[in-house]
Amino acid sequence: MTSYNVGFLVGSISSTSINRRLAQALVKLAPQAQLSLTEIPIAGLPLYSADHDASIPAEAADFKRAIEGADGMVIVSPEYNRSVPGVLKNALDTASRPWGQNSFAGTPTAIIGTSAGALATAAAQQHLRLILSFLDAPTMMQPEAYVRTVDGLIAEDGRVTDPSLAEFLLTWLRAVHAHIAKQGDAG
C-alpha cells in the first residue's frame, strides 16, 4: 500500500484548541506505513492582500510550497459564527493567490472538526467545501466527520479516551488514504 505525506491545517491558533487536540489524535492514530501527517502552521501568515502578489512575503511563499509538496491535505477546524475561522480563511486565500498560482489546485483534501455544540462543525465544513470546490481541491465527501467534544474525550497529548471514537477516526483516516490514492489514480 502506498504511503502518503499529508499536510494538515488547524483552523484555530488558540493554545487550548480542542481542534489541535483532534489533530494530535489523528497524528497518533494514523497508520504510519500509509499516512504521515505534518502540520503546516497558519498562525504566522500575514493577512492576504493583492498588494503583495508581485512579491509574496516569505512566510506565505513557504506556506504555499508546503501545500504543494504534500500528497494531500487535511483541514481540522472549529466553527466560528456558523462559518470558518478568519485565520483559516486567510490561509486559504494566501494559498490560492496570486491568481493562477493556486497551491490547492488538484490537491486531495479532507475536512474534520470538533466543537462542544450538538452540530459540531457542520456549517463550517459546508463553507469549507464551497471554498475548496472553487480552489479545485478534490474534497473527500464521505465519511463526514463532525466530532462533538466532551471533557476528557481527547487528552491533552492527543490520546483518544473513547474506543468508539478512536475506531471512527481510524476509519476516517483510511478513507483519507483511499481518497488520496483515488485522486492519484485519476491524474
Protein backbone atom coordinates (compact mmCIF):
# COMPACT_ATOMS: atom_id res chain seq x y z
CA MET A 1 0.00 0.00 0.00
CA THR A 2 1.32 3.43 -0.95
CA SER A 3 2.44 5.83 1.78
CA TYR A 4 1.43 9.50 1.53
CA ASN A 5 2.78 12.66 3.10
CA VAL A 6 -0.24 14.65 4.22
CA GLY A 7 -0.13 18.24 5.38
CA PHE A 8 -2.69 19.47 7.83
CA LEU A 9 -4.02 22.88 8.82
CA VAL A 10 -5.53 23.57 12.22
CA GLY A 11 -8.14 26.29 11.85
CA SER A 12 -7.61 27.59 15.39
CA ILE A 13 -4.49 29.28 16.70
CA SER A 14 -5.64 29.06 20.33
CA SER A 15 -3.16 27.41 22.68
CA THR A 16 -6.05 25.43 24.20
CA SER A 17 -7.69 24.45 20.90
CA ILE A 18 -9.69 21.23 21.01
CA ASN A 19 -9.18 21.01 17.25
CA ARG A 20 -5.41 20.96 17.80
CA ARG A 21 -6.01 18.05 20.17
CA LEU A 22 -8.05 16.34 17.49
CA ALA A 23 -5.21 16.90 15.01
CA GLN A 24 -2.76 15.38 17.51
CA ALA A 25 -5.09 12.39 17.84
CA LEU A 26 -5.09 11.94 14.07
CA VAL A 27 -1.28 12.04 14.01
CA LYS A 28 -1.15 9.36 16.74
CA LEU A 29 -3.79 7.14 15.10
CA ALA A 30 -2.59 7.40 11.50
CA PRO A 31 -1.19 4.13 10.18
CA GLN A 32 2.45 5.24 9.79
CA ALA A 33 3.07 2.93 6.83
CA GLN A 34 0.24 4.67 4.96
CA LEU A 35 -0.04 8.28 6.18
CA SER A 36 2.50 10.67 7.60
CA LEU A 37 0.74 13.79 8.88
CA THR A 38 2.65 17.06 9.26
CA GLU A 39 1.21 20.37 10.39
CA ILE A 40 1.56 23.34 8.09
CA PRO A 41 1.24 26.26 10.54
CA ILE A 42 -1.01 29.22 9.74
CA ALA A 43 -0.51 31.49 12.77
CA GLY A 44 2.42 33.41 11.28
CA LEU A 45 0.86 34.15 7.92
CA PRO A 46 0.42 37.83 7.10
CA LEU A 47 -3.07 38.95 6.15
CA TYR A 48 -3.56 38.32 2.45
CA SER A 49 -3.50 41.43 0.27
CA ALA A 50 -3.28 41.65 -3.52
CA ASP A 51 -0.74 44.41 -2.86
CA HIS A 52 1.79 41.64 -2.17
CA ASP A 53 1.06 39.50 -5.24
CA ALA A 54 4.11 40.79 -7.11
CA SER A 55 6.37 40.00 -4.17
CA ILE A 56 4.89 37.28 -1.97
CA PRO A 57 6.01 37.52 1.68
CA ALA A 58 8.44 34.75 2.67
CA GLU A 59 6.00 33.21 5.19
CA ALA A 60 3.32 32.97 2.52
CA ALA A 61 5.73 31.54 -0.07
CA ASP A 62 6.89 28.88 2.42
CA PHE A 63 3.28 28.05 3.25
CA LYS A 64 2.36 27.66 -0.43
CA ARG A 65 5.39 25.41 -1.07
CA ALA A 66 4.47 23.19 1.88
CA ILE A 67 0.98 22.63 0.48
CA GLU A 68 2.37 21.97 -3.00
CA GLY A 69 4.80 19.43 -1.54
CA ALA A 70 2.07 17.42 0.18
CA ASP A 71 0.34 14.42 -1.40
CA GLY A 72 -2.89 15.53 0.25
CA MET A 73 -4.26 17.92 2.86
CA VAL A 74 -6.43 17.62 5.96
CA ILE A 75 -8.17 20.62 7.46
CA VAL A 76 -9.03 20.32 11.16
CA SER A 77 -11.19 23.27 12.09
CA PRO A 78 -13.61 24.68 14.62
CA GLU A 79 -16.70 26.60 13.64
CA TYR A 80 -16.86 30.32 14.40
CA ASN A 81 -20.24 32.01 13.99
CA ARG A 82 -21.50 29.22 11.69
CA SER A 83 -18.51 29.54 9.36
CA VAL A 84 -14.74 29.09 9.13
CA PRO A 85 -12.39 30.99 11.43
CA GLY A 86 -10.88 34.11 9.87
CA VAL A 87 -7.34 32.81 10.32
CA LEU A 88 -8.20 29.72 8.26
CA LYS A 89 -9.91 31.77 5.54
CA ASN A 90 -6.79 33.94 5.38
CA ALA A 91 -4.65 30.82 4.96
CA LEU A 92 -6.85 29.54 2.13
CA ASP A 93 -6.77 32.94 0.42
CA THR A 94 -2.98 33.04 0.79
CA ALA A 95 -2.65 29.54 -0.68
CA SER A 96 -4.79 30.40 -3.69
CA ARG A 97 -3.14 33.67 -4.72
CA PRO A 98 -1.87 35.35 -6.75
CA TRP A 99 -4.31 34.41 -9.48
CA GLY A 100 -3.03 31.41 -11.42
CA GLN A 101 -0.81 30.20 -8.55
CA ASN A 102 -3.36 28.23 -6.53
CA SER A 103 -1.44 25.80 -4.30
CA PHE A 104 -4.58 23.77 -3.55
CA ALA A 105 -5.45 23.03 -7.21
CA GLY A 106 -5.71 19.28 -7.66
CA THR A 107 -4.68 18.52 -4.06
CA PRO A 108 -6.88 15.84 -2.45
CA THR A 109 -8.31 17.35 0.73
CA ALA A 110 -10.34 16.10 3.70
CA ILE A 111 -12.15 18.05 6.41
CA ILE A 112 -12.77 17.22 10.06
CA GLY A 113 -13.60 19.31 13.11
CA THR A 114 -14.78 19.27 16.68
CA SER A 115 -16.76 21.51 18.98
CA ALA A 116 -18.82 21.17 22.11
CA GLY A 117 -22.04 22.01 20.27
CA ALA A 118 -24.59 19.47 19.12
CA LEU A 119 -23.99 20.33 15.45
CA ALA A 120 -20.22 20.21 15.94
CA THR A 121 -18.68 21.89 12.89
CA ALA A 122 -21.27 21.09 10.22
CA ALA A 123 -21.85 24.67 9.00
CA ALA A 124 -18.14 25.49 8.85
CA GLN A 125 -17.47 22.30 6.91
CA GLN A 126 -20.17 23.22 4.37
CA HIS A 127 -18.48 26.57 3.86
CA LEU A 128 -15.10 24.86 3.55
CA ARG A 129 -16.47 22.51 0.89
CA LEU A 130 -17.69 25.50 -1.10
CA ILE A 131 -14.33 27.27 -0.80
CA LEU A 132 -12.35 24.13 -1.65
CA SER A 133 -14.50 23.43 -4.71
CA PHE A 134 -13.61 26.88 -6.03
CA LEU A 135 -9.95 26.16 -5.26
CA ASP A 136 -10.19 22.97 -7.38
CA ALA A 137 -9.23 20.81 -4.39
CA PRO A 138 -10.90 17.40 -4.74
CA THR A 139 -12.59 17.12 -1.35
CA MET A 140 -13.48 13.86 0.38
CA MET A 141 -17.25 13.83 0.82
CA GLN A 142 -17.69 10.64 2.86
CA PRO A 143 -17.38 9.76 5.61
CA GLU A 144 -18.19 13.15 7.08
CA ALA A 145 -16.52 13.80 10.41
CA TYR A 146 -18.23 16.06 12.93
CA VAL A 147 -16.87 15.28 16.38
CA ARG A 148 -18.77 16.50 19.42
CA THR A 149 -16.23 17.09 22.17
CA VAL A 150 -16.91 16.40 25.81
CA ASP A 151 -14.40 16.82 28.63
CA GLY A 152 -11.76 14.13 28.56
CA LEU A 153 -12.68 12.72 25.12
CA ILE A 154 -9.23 13.60 23.78
CA ALA A 155 -6.42 14.01 26.29
CA GLU A 156 -4.02 16.95 26.08
CA ASP A 157 -1.41 14.71 24.44
CA GLY A 158 -3.87 13.68 21.70
CA ARG A 159 -4.75 10.29 23.15
CA VAL A 160 -8.36 9.35 22.39
CA THR A 161 -10.05 8.01 25.52
CA ASP A 162 -13.20 6.66 23.83
CA PRO A 163 -12.57 3.43 21.87
CA SER A 164 -15.51 4.02 19.51
CA LEU A 165 -14.18 7.48 18.58
CA ALA A 166 -10.68 6.05 18.08
CA GLU A 167 -12.11 3.43 15.71
CA PHE A 168 -14.15 6.06 13.84
CA LEU A 169 -11.07 8.29 13.42
CA LEU A 170 -9.01 5.33 12.19
CA THR A 171 -11.76 4.50 9.67
CA TRP A 172 -11.81 8.16 8.60
CA LEU A 173 -8.01 8.15 8.16
CA ARG A 174 -8.27 5.04 5.98
CA ALA A 175 -10.83 6.90 3.87
CA VAL A 176 -8.40 9.83 3.58
CA HIS A 177 -5.74 7.40 2.30
CA ALA A 178 -8.20 5.95 -0.23
CA HIS A 179 -9.23 9.46 -1.34
CA ILE A 180 -5.63 10.48 -2.00
CA ALA A 181 -4.95 7.20 -3.81
CA LYS A 182 -8.05 7.62 -5.97
CA GLN A 183 -7.10 11.15 -6.94
CA GLY A 184 -3.59 9.96 -7.78
CA ASP A 185 -5.02 7.22 -9.99
CA ALA A 186 -7.30 9.73 -11.72
CA GLY A 187 -4.41 12.11 -12.51
